[in-house]
Amino acid sequence: MKEKSKLKAISLFNSNGIANVSMKQIADALKISAGNLSYHYKNKEMLLASIYDDMYNETLDYILPKNTYITLFHFEEMMLRFSNLQQRYSFFFNDVVHIIKTYPKIAKQYEKSSLTRFKEARKLMEYYIETQRLKPEDNIIDYNKTIHTIWMTSTFWQAQKLAIQSPNYTINQCSSIDMLWQLLLPYLTKKGRDEYLQLKQFVTRTN
């Protein structure tokens, strides 16, 4: 029942937004009493915290897998997996600011996990520099800022598509991964660019 409750909550949150779904509505959708649901999850914050734990556990090996030969295709694959995660938990990314303001415990979890990912992403950048795929840092190039920009772009990708839906504006209709590559392309070495062009020949992306 705990797993069924989470799956039903995710479905309702995705359809209606987290602020518009009550615990009673989740219980009704499950055809159980509110008391039965509260036996498993005392309140919405506890339910959301359990869902967030699942989300986080899915991303543990995203950034820097061990004992694996890493190429630029790993960046592509990592962002694809994150994009798929966003699709399945779209409510979280559409409502992330509301969630942070409303649920302080989850806000702390989210901040902690994000800071951990920044450190892992820094290691990945350093690996790409060491293997001559990325240009080294200097007084102009700052990969910490690049990492933060990648995080912002990927995290708010779904939300910005909701904010700008004009049919006359098509820039944001591309794949999120295409947009993220634009942040790295200027820093690729010749080796990196050649690898990226090879990658592009074999990858088909959707929005």
N, C-alpha and C. Protein backbone atom coordinates (compact mmCIF):
# COMPACT_ATOMS: atom_id res chain seq x y z
N MET A 1 0.82 -1.21 0.00
CA MET A 1 0.00 0.00 0.00
C MET A 1 0.86 1.27 0.00
N LYS A 2 2.02 1.20 0.67
CA LYS A 2 2.89 2.38 0.68
C LYS A 2 3.35 2.72 -0.74
N GLU A 3 3.71 1.68 -1.50
CA GLU A 3 4.17 1.93 -2.87
C GLU A 3 3.01 2.40 -3.75
N LYS A 4 1.85 1.80 -3.60
CA LYS A 4 0.67 2.22 -4.36
C LYS A 4 0.31 3.66 -4.04
N SER A 5 0.44 4.03 -2.78
CA SER A 5 0.14 5.40 -2.36
C SER A 5 1.07 6.40 -3.03
N LYS A 6 2.35 6.05 -3.10
CA LYS A 6 3.32 6.94 -3.75
C LYS A 6 3.02 7.08 -5.24
N LEU A 7 2.75 5.97 -5.89
CA LEU A 7 2.49 6.00 -7.33
C LEU A 7 1.24 6.81 -7.64
N LYS A 8 0.20 6.64 -6.82
CA LYS A 8 -1.04 7.40 -7.04
C LYS A 8 -0.81 8.88 -6.77
N ALA A 9 -0.05 9.19 -5.72
CA ALA A 9 0.24 10.59 -5.41
C ALA A 9 1.03 11.25 -6.54
N ILE A 10 2.03 10.55 -7.08
CA ILE A 10 2.83 11.09 -8.18
C ILE A 10 1.93 11.39 -9.38
N SER A 11 1.04 10.46 -9.69
CA SER A 11 0.12 10.65 -10.82
C SER A 11 -0.76 11.88 -10.62
N LEU A 12 -1.31 12.02 -9.42
CA LEU A 12 -2.18 13.17 -9.13
C LEU A 12 -1.39 14.47 -9.09
N PHE A 13 -0.20 14.44 -8.49
CA PHE A 13 0.65 15.64 -8.44
C PHE A 13 1.02 16.08 -9.85
N ASN A 14 1.37 15.11 -10.71
CA ASN A 14 1.75 15.43 -12.09
C ASN A 14 0.58 16.05 -12.85
N SER A 15 -0.61 15.55 -12.61
CA SER A 15 -1.80 16.03 -13.34
C SER A 15 -2.30 17.38 -12.85
N ASN A 16 -2.25 17.58 -11.51
CA ASN A 16 -2.92 18.74 -10.92
C ASN A 16 -2.01 19.73 -10.22
N GLY A 17 -0.75 19.34 -9.98
CA GLY A 17 0.14 20.19 -9.20
C GLY A 17 0.04 19.82 -7.73
N ILE A 18 1.15 19.84 -7.03
CA ILE A 18 1.16 19.37 -5.65
C ILE A 18 0.27 20.19 -4.73
N ALA A 19 0.17 21.49 -4.97
CA ALA A 19 -0.64 22.35 -4.09
C ALA A 19 -2.13 22.06 -4.22
N ASN A 20 -2.54 21.45 -5.34
CA ASN A 20 -3.96 21.23 -5.60
C ASN A 20 -4.43 19.82 -5.25
N VAL A 21 -3.56 19.04 -4.61
CA VAL A 21 -3.91 17.66 -4.25
C VAL A 21 -3.79 17.48 -2.74
N SER A 22 -4.87 17.05 -2.12
CA SER A 22 -4.87 16.81 -0.67
C SER A 22 -4.66 15.33 -0.38
N MET A 23 -4.34 15.04 0.85
CA MET A 23 -4.20 13.64 1.27
C MET A 23 -5.52 12.90 1.10
N LYS A 24 -6.63 13.60 1.36
CA LYS A 24 -7.95 12.96 1.20
C LYS A 24 -8.20 12.59 -0.25
N GLN A 25 -7.79 13.45 -1.17
CA GLN A 25 -7.97 13.15 -2.59
C GLN A 25 -7.15 11.92 -2.99
N ILE A 26 -5.95 11.81 -2.43
CA ILE A 26 -5.12 10.62 -2.71
C ILE A 26 -5.80 9.37 -2.15
N ALA A 27 -6.30 9.48 -0.93
CA ALA A 27 -6.98 8.34 -0.31
C ALA A 27 -8.22 7.95 -1.13
N ASP A 28 -8.99 8.94 -1.56
CA ASP A 28 -10.19 8.66 -2.36
C ASP A 28 -9.82 7.96 -3.67
N ALA A 29 -8.74 8.43 -4.29
CA ALA A 29 -8.31 7.83 -5.56
C ALA A 29 -7.87 6.37 -5.36
N LEU A 30 -7.36 6.08 -4.17
CA LEU A 30 -6.92 4.72 -3.85
C LEU A 30 -8.07 3.86 -3.34
N LYS A 31 -9.24 4.54 -3.09
CA LYS A 31 -10.41 3.86 -2.53
C LYS A 31 -10.11 3.29 -1.13
N ILE A 32 -9.39 4.09 -0.35
CA ILE A 32 -9.14 3.74 1.05
C ILE A 32 -9.52 4.94 1.90
N SER A 33 -9.56 4.75 3.20
CA SER A 33 -9.89 5.86 4.09
C SER A 33 -8.68 6.76 4.28
N ALA A 34 -8.95 8.02 4.67
CA ALA A 34 -7.85 8.96 4.95
C ALA A 34 -7.01 8.43 6.10
N GLY A 35 -7.67 7.75 7.07
CA GLY A 35 -6.94 7.19 8.20
C GLY A 35 -5.99 6.09 7.77
N ASN A 36 -6.42 5.29 6.81
CA ASN A 36 -5.56 4.22 6.29
C ASN A 36 -4.32 4.81 5.63
N LEU A 37 -4.52 5.88 4.85
CA LEU A 37 -3.37 6.52 4.19
C LEU A 37 -2.44 7.14 5.22
N SER A 38 -3.02 7.80 6.24
CA SER A 38 -2.18 8.46 7.25
C SER A 38 -1.42 7.45 8.12
N TYR A 39 -1.86 6.20 8.12
CA TYR A 39 -1.13 5.15 8.83
C TYR A 39 0.24 4.94 8.16
N HIS A 40 0.26 5.05 6.84
CA HIS A 40 1.50 4.87 6.09
C HIS A 40 2.29 6.17 5.97
N TYR A 41 1.57 7.27 5.76
CA TYR A 41 2.21 8.60 5.62
C TYR A 41 1.39 9.59 6.43
N LYS A 42 1.98 10.08 7.50
CA LYS A 42 1.25 10.93 8.44
C LYS A 42 0.71 12.19 7.79
N ASN A 43 1.47 12.76 6.85
CA ASN A 43 1.03 13.99 6.18
C ASN A 43 1.67 14.06 4.80
N LYS A 44 1.34 15.11 4.07
CA LYS A 44 1.84 15.24 2.70
C LYS A 44 3.36 15.40 2.66
N GLU A 45 3.93 16.07 3.66
CA GLU A 45 5.39 16.25 3.66
C GLU A 45 6.11 14.91 3.79
N MET A 46 5.58 14.02 4.64
CA MET A 46 6.21 12.71 4.78
C MET A 46 6.09 11.90 3.49
N LEU A 47 4.95 12.02 2.84
CA LEU A 47 4.75 11.33 1.56
C LEU A 47 5.69 11.89 0.51
N LEU A 48 5.79 13.21 0.44
CA LEU A 48 6.68 13.84 -0.54
C LEU A 48 8.14 13.52 -0.24
N ALA A 49 8.50 13.45 1.03
CA ALA A 49 9.88 13.12 1.40
C ALA A 49 10.24 11.72 0.93
N SER A 50 9.30 10.79 1.04
CA SER A 50 9.55 9.42 0.57
C SER A 50 9.70 9.39 -0.94
N ILE A 51 8.88 10.16 -1.64
CA ILE A 51 8.99 10.25 -3.10
C ILE A 51 10.34 10.85 -3.48
N TYR A 52 10.75 11.90 -2.76
CA TYR A 52 12.03 12.54 -3.09
C TYR A 52 13.20 11.58 -2.84
N ASP A 53 13.12 10.76 -1.79
CA ASP A 53 14.16 9.76 -1.54
C ASP A 53 14.30 8.83 -2.74
N ASP A 54 13.16 8.42 -3.30
CA ASP A 54 13.19 7.55 -4.48
C ASP A 54 13.86 8.27 -5.65
N MET A 55 13.50 9.53 -5.84
CA MET A 55 14.10 10.32 -6.92
C MET A 55 15.61 10.41 -6.74
N TYR A 56 16.04 10.72 -5.53
CA TYR A 56 17.46 10.89 -5.26
C TYR A 56 18.23 9.59 -5.47
N ASN A 57 17.67 8.49 -4.99
CA ASN A 57 18.33 7.19 -5.12
C ASN A 57 18.51 6.80 -6.59
N GLU A 58 17.60 7.26 -7.44
CA GLU A 58 17.72 6.95 -8.87
C GLU A 58 18.89 7.68 -9.51
N THR A 59 19.37 8.75 -8.88
CA THR A 59 20.41 9.58 -9.49
C THR A 59 21.79 9.38 -8.86
N LEU A 60 21.91 8.43 -7.95
CA LEU A 60 23.16 8.29 -7.20
C LEU A 60 24.37 8.04 -8.10
N ASP A 61 24.19 7.25 -9.15
CA ASP A 61 25.34 6.91 -10.00
C ASP A 61 25.32 7.66 -11.33
N TYR A 62 24.55 8.75 -11.39
CA TYR A 62 24.42 9.50 -12.65
C TYR A 62 25.72 10.15 -13.08
N ILE A 63 26.35 10.86 -12.17
CA ILE A 63 27.35 11.84 -12.58
C ILE A 63 28.72 11.23 -12.85
N LEU A 64 29.22 10.43 -11.95
CA LEU A 64 30.57 9.90 -12.12
C LEU A 64 30.60 8.41 -11.77
N PRO A 65 30.18 7.56 -12.69
CA PRO A 65 30.19 6.11 -12.42
C PRO A 65 31.61 5.61 -12.24
N LYS A 66 31.75 4.59 -11.40
CA LYS A 66 33.08 4.05 -11.11
C LYS A 66 33.41 2.89 -12.05
N ASN A 67 34.71 2.69 -12.25
CA ASN A 67 35.21 1.56 -13.04
C ASN A 67 34.62 1.52 -14.46
N THR A 68 34.47 2.70 -15.05
CA THR A 68 33.89 2.80 -16.39
C THR A 68 34.70 3.80 -17.21
N TYR A 69 34.95 3.46 -18.46
CA TYR A 69 35.61 4.41 -19.36
C TYR A 69 34.60 5.48 -19.75
N ILE A 70 34.93 6.73 -19.46
CA ILE A 70 33.98 7.82 -19.63
C ILE A 70 34.35 8.66 -20.85
N THR A 71 33.39 8.89 -21.71
CA THR A 71 33.55 9.79 -22.86
C THR A 71 32.49 10.88 -22.75
N LEU A 72 32.42 11.74 -23.77
CA LEU A 72 31.39 12.78 -23.77
C LEU A 72 29.99 12.19 -23.90
N PHE A 73 29.91 10.95 -24.40
CA PHE A 73 28.61 10.31 -24.49
C PHE A 73 28.01 10.13 -23.10
N HIS A 74 28.85 10.05 -22.07
CA HIS A 74 28.34 9.92 -20.70
C HIS A 74 27.53 11.16 -20.32
N PHE A 75 27.99 12.35 -20.73
CA PHE A 75 27.23 13.57 -20.44
C PHE A 75 25.85 13.50 -21.10
N GLU A 76 25.84 13.06 -22.35
CA GLU A 76 24.59 12.89 -23.09
C GLU A 76 23.66 11.91 -22.36
N GLU A 77 24.20 10.77 -21.99
CA GLU A 77 23.41 9.73 -21.33
C GLU A 77 22.91 10.20 -19.96
N MET A 78 23.76 10.88 -19.23
CA MET A 78 23.41 11.39 -17.91
C MET A 78 22.25 12.38 -18.00
N MET A 79 22.33 13.30 -18.96
CA MET A 79 21.27 14.28 -19.13
C MET A 79 19.98 13.63 -19.65
N LEU A 80 20.10 12.58 -20.45
CA LEU A 80 18.92 11.87 -20.93
C LEU A 80 18.20 11.19 -19.76
N ARG A 81 18.97 10.57 -18.88
CA ARG A 81 18.37 9.92 -17.71
C ARG A 81 17.70 10.94 -16.82
N PHE A 82 18.32 12.11 -16.67
CA PHE A 82 17.72 13.15 -15.84
C PHE A 82 16.45 13.69 -16.49
N SER A 83 16.46 13.81 -17.82
CA SER A 83 15.27 14.25 -18.54
C SER A 83 14.12 13.26 -18.35
N ASN A 84 14.43 11.97 -18.39
CA ASN A 84 13.41 10.95 -18.16
C ASN A 84 12.87 11.03 -16.73
N LEU A 85 13.76 11.30 -15.79
CA LEU A 85 13.34 11.47 -14.40
C LEU A 85 12.37 12.65 -14.28
N GLN A 86 12.69 13.74 -14.97
CA GLN A 86 11.82 14.91 -14.95
C GLN A 86 10.44 14.61 -15.51
N GLN A 87 10.38 13.79 -16.53
CA GLN A 87 9.09 13.43 -17.10
C GLN A 87 8.25 12.65 -16.10
N ARG A 88 8.89 11.73 -15.39
CA ARG A 88 8.15 10.89 -14.45
C ARG A 88 7.75 11.64 -13.18
N TYR A 89 8.56 12.63 -12.79
CA TYR A 89 8.25 13.42 -11.59
C TYR A 89 8.10 14.89 -11.98
N SER A 90 7.34 15.14 -13.02
CA SER A 90 7.24 16.50 -13.55
C SER A 90 6.73 17.50 -12.51
N PHE A 91 5.87 17.06 -11.62
CA PHE A 91 5.31 17.96 -10.60
C PHE A 91 6.42 18.59 -9.76
N PHE A 92 7.45 17.81 -9.44
CA PHE A 92 8.50 18.31 -8.55
C PHE A 92 9.24 19.47 -9.21
N PHE A 93 9.55 19.32 -10.49
CA PHE A 93 10.33 20.35 -11.18
C PHE A 93 9.46 21.55 -11.57
N ASN A 94 8.18 21.31 -11.81
CA ASN A 94 7.27 22.42 -12.08
C ASN A 94 6.99 23.23 -10.82
N ASP A 95 7.02 22.57 -9.67
CA ASP A 95 6.64 23.21 -8.41
C ASP A 95 7.80 23.32 -7.43
N VAL A 96 9.03 23.24 -7.92
CA VAL A 96 10.17 23.15 -7.01
C VAL A 96 10.27 24.35 -6.07
N VAL A 97 9.97 25.55 -6.53
CA VAL A 97 10.05 26.72 -5.65
C VAL A 97 8.98 26.64 -4.56
N HIS A 98 7.76 26.26 -4.94
CA HIS A 98 6.69 26.08 -3.96
C HIS A 98 7.06 25.01 -2.94
N ILE A 99 7.63 23.90 -3.40
CA ILE A 99 8.01 22.81 -2.50
C ILE A 99 9.06 23.27 -1.51
N ILE A 100 10.06 24.00 -1.98
CA ILE A 100 11.13 24.49 -1.11
C ILE A 100 10.58 25.45 -0.05
N LYS A 101 9.66 26.31 -0.45
CA LYS A 101 9.09 27.28 0.49
C LYS A 101 8.14 26.62 1.49
N THR A 102 7.45 25.56 1.08
CA THR A 102 6.40 24.97 1.89
C THR A 102 6.90 23.84 2.79
N TYR A 103 7.90 23.11 2.34
CA TYR A 103 8.36 21.92 3.06
C TYR A 103 9.84 22.06 3.41
N PRO A 104 10.15 22.65 4.56
CA PRO A 104 11.56 22.95 4.91
C PRO A 104 12.47 21.73 4.99
N LYS A 105 11.96 20.59 5.45
CA LYS A 105 12.80 19.40 5.54
C LYS A 105 13.23 18.94 4.15
N ILE A 106 12.28 18.98 3.22
CA ILE A 106 12.61 18.58 1.85
C ILE A 106 13.54 19.61 1.21
N ALA A 107 13.34 20.87 1.56
CA ALA A 107 14.23 21.93 1.04
C ALA A 107 15.68 21.65 1.46
N LYS A 108 15.87 21.22 2.72
CA LYS A 108 17.23 20.91 3.19
C LYS A 108 17.80 19.69 2.47
N GLN A 109 16.95 18.67 2.27
CA GLN A 109 17.39 17.48 1.53
C GLN A 109 17.80 17.86 0.11
N TYR A 110 16.99 18.70 -0.50
CA TYR A 110 17.25 19.08 -1.90
C TYR A 110 18.54 19.89 -2.01
N GLU A 111 18.74 20.81 -1.08
CA GLU A 111 19.97 21.60 -1.09
C GLU A 111 21.19 20.71 -0.89
N LYS A 112 21.10 19.80 0.07
CA LYS A 112 22.23 18.91 0.37
C LYS A 112 22.56 18.04 -0.84
N SER A 113 21.54 17.45 -1.45
CA SER A 113 21.80 16.57 -2.61
C SER A 113 22.32 17.37 -3.80
N SER A 114 21.84 18.60 -3.98
CA SER A 114 22.33 19.44 -5.08
C SER A 114 23.80 19.79 -4.90
N LEU A 115 24.18 20.14 -3.67
CA LEU A 115 25.58 20.47 -3.40
C LEU A 115 26.48 19.26 -3.62
N THR A 116 25.97 18.06 -3.28
CA THR A 116 26.73 16.84 -3.53
C THR A 116 26.92 16.63 -5.03
N ARG A 117 25.86 16.88 -5.79
CA ARG A 117 25.95 16.72 -7.25
C ARG A 117 26.93 17.72 -7.85
N PHE A 118 26.98 18.92 -7.31
CA PHE A 118 27.93 19.92 -7.81
C PHE A 118 29.37 19.40 -7.66
N LYS A 119 29.66 18.78 -6.52
CA LYS A 119 31.01 18.25 -6.29
C LYS A 119 31.33 17.13 -7.27
N GLU A 120 30.34 16.24 -7.49
CA GLU A 120 30.54 15.15 -8.43
C GLU A 120 30.70 15.67 -9.85
N ALA A 121 29.91 16.68 -10.19
CA ALA A 121 30.00 17.28 -11.53
C ALA A 121 31.36 17.94 -11.74
N ARG A 122 31.91 18.51 -10.67
CA ARG A 122 33.23 19.13 -10.75
C ARG A 122 34.29 18.06 -11.08
N LYS A 123 34.15 16.89 -10.46
CA LYS A 123 35.08 15.79 -10.75
C LYS A 123 34.97 15.36 -12.22
N LEU A 124 33.76 15.34 -12.74
CA LEU A 124 33.56 14.98 -14.14
C LEU A 124 34.23 16.00 -15.06
N MET A 125 34.06 17.28 -14.74
CA MET A 125 34.70 18.33 -15.54
C MET A 125 36.22 18.18 -15.51
N GLU A 126 36.74 17.90 -14.33
CA GLU A 126 38.20 17.74 -14.21
C GLU A 126 38.68 16.53 -15.02
N TYR A 127 37.88 15.48 -15.06
CA TYR A 127 38.22 14.32 -15.87
C TYR A 127 38.25 14.69 -17.35
N TYR A 128 37.27 15.47 -17.78
CA TYR A 128 37.23 15.89 -19.19
C TYR A 128 38.40 16.82 -19.52
N ILE A 129 38.85 17.61 -18.54
CA ILE A 129 40.03 18.46 -18.76
C ILE A 129 41.28 17.59 -18.87
N GLU A 130 41.43 16.64 -17.94
CA GLU A 130 42.60 15.76 -17.92
C GLU A 130 42.71 14.91 -19.18
N THR A 131 41.56 14.52 -19.73
CA THR A 131 41.57 13.70 -20.94
C THR A 131 41.49 14.55 -22.21
N GLN A 132 41.68 15.87 -22.03
CA GLN A 132 41.79 16.82 -23.14
C GLN A 132 40.51 16.92 -23.98
N ARG A 133 39.38 16.74 -23.35
CA ARG A 133 38.11 16.97 -24.02
C ARG A 133 37.60 18.38 -23.77
N LEU A 134 37.95 18.94 -22.62
CA LEU A 134 37.59 20.32 -22.28
C LEU A 134 38.85 21.17 -22.12
N LYS A 135 38.73 22.44 -22.47
CA LYS A 135 39.83 23.38 -22.28
C LYS A 135 40.07 23.56 -20.77
N PRO A 136 41.29 23.76 -20.37
CA PRO A 136 41.56 24.01 -18.94
C PRO A 136 41.00 25.36 -18.49
N GLU A 137 40.77 25.46 -17.20
CA GLU A 137 40.28 26.73 -16.64
C GLU A 137 41.38 27.79 -16.73
N ASP A 138 40.94 29.04 -16.82
CA ASP A 138 41.86 30.18 -16.77
C ASP A 138 41.11 31.32 -16.11
N ASN A 139 41.57 32.56 -16.33
CA ASN A 139 40.90 33.69 -15.68
C ASN A 139 39.57 34.04 -16.34
N ILE A 140 39.20 33.34 -17.40
CA ILE A 140 37.92 33.56 -18.06
C ILE A 140 36.97 32.37 -17.85
N ILE A 141 37.50 31.16 -18.02
CA ILE A 141 36.69 29.95 -17.90
C ILE A 141 36.57 29.54 -16.44
N ASP A 142 35.34 29.40 -15.96
CA ASP A 142 35.07 28.98 -14.58
C ASP A 142 34.04 27.86 -14.64
N TYR A 143 34.50 26.61 -14.47
CA TYR A 143 33.60 25.47 -14.62
C TYR A 143 32.62 25.32 -13.46
N ASN A 144 32.93 25.91 -12.32
CA ASN A 144 31.95 25.90 -11.23
C ASN A 144 30.69 26.65 -11.64
N LYS A 145 30.88 27.76 -12.34
CA LYS A 145 29.72 28.53 -12.82
C LYS A 145 29.01 27.78 -13.94
N THR A 146 29.78 27.11 -14.78
CA THR A 146 29.19 26.31 -15.85
C THR A 146 28.32 25.20 -15.26
N ILE A 147 28.82 24.53 -14.22
CA ILE A 147 28.07 23.47 -13.55
C ILE A 147 26.77 24.01 -12.97
N HIS A 148 26.85 25.17 -12.33
CA HIS A 148 25.65 25.76 -11.73
C HIS A 148 24.64 26.13 -12.82
N THR A 149 25.13 26.62 -13.94
CA THR A 149 24.24 26.99 -15.05
C THR A 149 23.57 25.75 -15.65
N ILE A 150 24.34 24.67 -15.76
CA ILE A 150 23.76 23.40 -16.24
C ILE A 150 22.67 22.93 -15.29
N TRP A 151 22.94 23.03 -13.99
CA TRP A 151 21.93 22.64 -12.99
C TRP A 151 20.67 23.50 -13.12
N MET A 152 20.84 24.80 -13.24
CA MET A 152 19.66 25.68 -13.36
C MET A 152 18.87 25.36 -14.63
N THR A 153 19.57 25.20 -15.74
CA THR A 153 18.89 24.94 -17.01
C THR A 153 18.13 23.62 -16.97
N SER A 154 18.78 22.57 -16.46
CA SER A 154 18.13 21.26 -16.43
C SER A 154 16.98 21.24 -15.42
N THR A 155 17.17 21.84 -14.26
CA THR A 155 16.15 21.82 -13.22
C THR A 155 14.89 22.57 -13.64
N PHE A 156 15.06 23.70 -14.29
CA PHE A 156 13.90 24.54 -14.62
C PHE A 156 13.46 24.41 -16.08
N TRP A 157 13.94 23.38 -16.76
CA TRP A 157 13.59 23.20 -18.16
C TRP A 157 12.09 23.04 -18.35
N GLN A 158 11.48 22.17 -17.57
CA GLN A 158 10.04 21.94 -17.70
C GLN A 158 9.25 23.21 -17.38
N ALA A 159 9.65 23.90 -16.32
CA ALA A 159 8.93 25.10 -15.88
C ALA A 159 9.00 26.21 -16.93
N GLN A 160 10.17 26.38 -17.55
CA GLN A 160 10.28 27.47 -18.53
C GLN A 160 9.45 27.18 -19.78
N LYS A 161 9.24 25.89 -20.10
CA LYS A 161 8.39 25.56 -21.24
C LYS A 161 6.93 25.91 -20.95
N LEU A 162 6.55 25.82 -19.68
CA LEU A 162 5.20 26.23 -19.29
C LEU A 162 5.07 27.75 -19.33
N ALA A 163 6.16 28.43 -19.00
CA ALA A 163 6.13 29.90 -18.93
C ALA A 163 6.09 30.54 -20.31
N ILE A 164 6.73 29.92 -21.30
CA ILE A 164 6.79 30.48 -22.66
C ILE A 164 6.25 29.44 -23.63
N GLN A 165 5.01 29.61 -24.06
CA GLN A 165 4.36 28.66 -24.95
C GLN A 165 3.93 29.27 -26.28
N SER A 166 4.40 30.48 -26.57
CA SER A 166 4.02 31.14 -27.81
C SER A 166 4.44 30.32 -29.02
N PRO A 167 3.53 30.09 -29.98
CA PRO A 167 3.88 29.31 -31.18
C PRO A 167 4.91 30.03 -32.06
N ASN A 168 5.07 31.33 -31.84
CA ASN A 168 6.04 32.09 -32.63
C ASN A 168 7.46 32.03 -32.05
N TYR A 169 7.58 31.43 -30.86
CA TYR A 169 8.89 31.30 -30.23
C TYR A 169 9.23 29.82 -30.15
N THR A 170 10.29 29.41 -30.84
CA THR A 170 10.58 27.97 -30.96
C THR A 170 11.91 27.56 -30.33
N ILE A 171 12.67 28.51 -29.79
CA ILE A 171 13.98 28.18 -29.24
C ILE A 171 13.88 27.10 -28.16
N ASN A 172 12.86 27.21 -27.30
CA ASN A 172 12.75 26.27 -26.19
C ASN A 172 12.00 24.99 -26.57
N GLN A 173 11.74 24.79 -27.86
CA GLN A 173 11.08 23.56 -28.30
C GLN A 173 12.08 22.47 -28.66
N CYS A 174 13.35 22.77 -28.54
CA CYS A 174 14.38 21.75 -28.80
C CYS A 174 14.47 20.80 -27.60
N SER A 175 15.26 19.77 -27.74
CA SER A 175 15.52 18.88 -26.62
C SER A 175 16.29 19.64 -25.53
N SER A 176 15.98 19.33 -24.28
CA SER A 176 16.72 19.96 -23.18
C SER A 176 18.21 19.64 -23.29
N ILE A 177 18.53 18.46 -23.79
CA ILE A 177 19.93 18.05 -23.91
C ILE A 177 20.64 18.90 -24.97
N ASP A 178 19.95 19.23 -26.05
CA ASP A 178 20.53 20.13 -27.05
C ASP A 178 20.89 21.47 -26.42
N MET A 179 19.99 21.97 -25.58
CA MET A 179 20.23 23.26 -24.92
C MET A 179 21.42 23.16 -23.96
N LEU A 180 21.51 22.04 -23.23
CA LEU A 180 22.61 21.88 -22.28
C LEU A 180 23.96 21.77 -22.98
N TRP A 181 23.97 21.12 -24.16
CA TRP A 181 25.23 21.03 -24.91
C TRP A 181 25.74 22.42 -25.30
N GLN A 182 24.82 23.36 -25.51
CA GLN A 182 25.24 24.71 -25.88
C GLN A 182 26.11 25.36 -24.81
N LEU A 183 25.94 24.89 -23.57
CA LEU A 183 26.75 25.42 -22.47
C LEU A 183 28.17 24.87 -22.47
N LEU A 184 28.34 23.67 -23.05
CA LEU A 184 29.67 23.05 -23.05
C LEU A 184 30.43 23.22 -24.36
N LEU A 185 29.71 23.34 -25.47
CA LEU A 185 30.36 23.37 -26.78
C LEU A 185 31.49 24.41 -26.89
N PRO A 186 31.32 25.62 -26.36
CA PRO A 186 32.41 26.60 -26.51
C PRO A 186 33.70 26.19 -25.80
N TYR A 187 33.62 25.25 -24.87
CA TYR A 187 34.80 24.87 -24.09
C TYR A 187 35.43 23.56 -24.56
N LEU A 188 34.87 22.96 -25.59
CA LEU A 188 35.44 21.70 -26.08
C LEU A 188 36.75 21.94 -26.83
N THR A 189 37.70 21.05 -26.62
CA THR A 189 38.94 21.06 -27.40
C THR A 189 38.64 20.44 -28.77
N LYS A 190 39.65 20.38 -29.63
CA LYS A 190 39.45 19.71 -30.92
C LYS A 190 39.06 18.25 -30.70
N LYS A 191 39.74 17.58 -29.76
CA LYS A 191 39.40 16.19 -29.44
C LYS A 191 37.95 16.10 -28.98
N GLY A 192 37.55 17.05 -28.14
CA GLY A 192 36.19 17.05 -27.63
C GLY A 192 35.17 17.31 -28.73
N ARG A 193 35.46 18.25 -29.61
CA ARG A 193 34.54 18.57 -30.71
C ARG A 193 34.39 17.37 -31.67
N ASP A 194 35.52 16.72 -31.97
CA ASP A 194 35.46 15.55 -32.84
C ASP A 194 34.61 14.44 -32.21
N GLU A 195 34.78 14.25 -30.91
CA GLU A 195 34.00 13.23 -30.22
C GLU A 195 32.52 13.61 -30.21
N TYR A 196 32.23 14.89 -30.00
CA TYR A 196 30.84 15.36 -30.00
C TYR A 196 30.21 15.15 -31.37
N LEU A 197 30.94 15.44 -32.46
CA LEU A 197 30.39 15.27 -33.80
C LEU A 197 30.11 13.79 -34.10
N GLN A 198 30.98 12.92 -33.60
CA GLN A 198 30.74 11.49 -33.74
C GLN A 198 29.49 11.07 -32.97
N LEU A 199 29.38 11.58 -31.78
CA LEU A 199 28.22 11.29 -30.93
C LEU A 199 26.92 11.72 -31.62
N LYS A 200 26.97 12.90 -32.22
CA LYS A 200 25.77 13.48 -32.85
C LYS A 200 25.26 12.62 -33.99
N GLN A 201 26.15 11.90 -34.65
CA GLN A 201 25.75 11.05 -35.78
C GLN A 201 24.89 9.88 -35.34
N PHE A 202 25.06 9.45 -34.09
CA PHE A 202 24.40 8.21 -33.64
C PHE A 202 23.29 8.44 -32.62
N VAL A 203 23.05 9.71 -32.26
CA VAL A 203 22.04 9.99 -31.23
C VAL A 203 20.86 10.72 -31.83
N THR A 204 19.68 10.21 -31.52
CA THR A 204 18.42 10.87 -31.91
C THR A 204 17.72 11.33 -30.64
N ARG A 205 17.41 12.61 -30.57
CA ARG A 205 16.78 13.15 -29.36
C ARG A 205 15.35 13.58 -29.65
N THR A 206 14.54 13.57 -28.57
CA THR A 206 13.18 14.11 -28.65
C THR A 206 13.06 15.21 -27.63
N ASN A 207 12.01 16.01 -27.72
CA ASN A 207 11.82 17.09 -26.77
C ASN A 207 11.45 16.58 -25.39
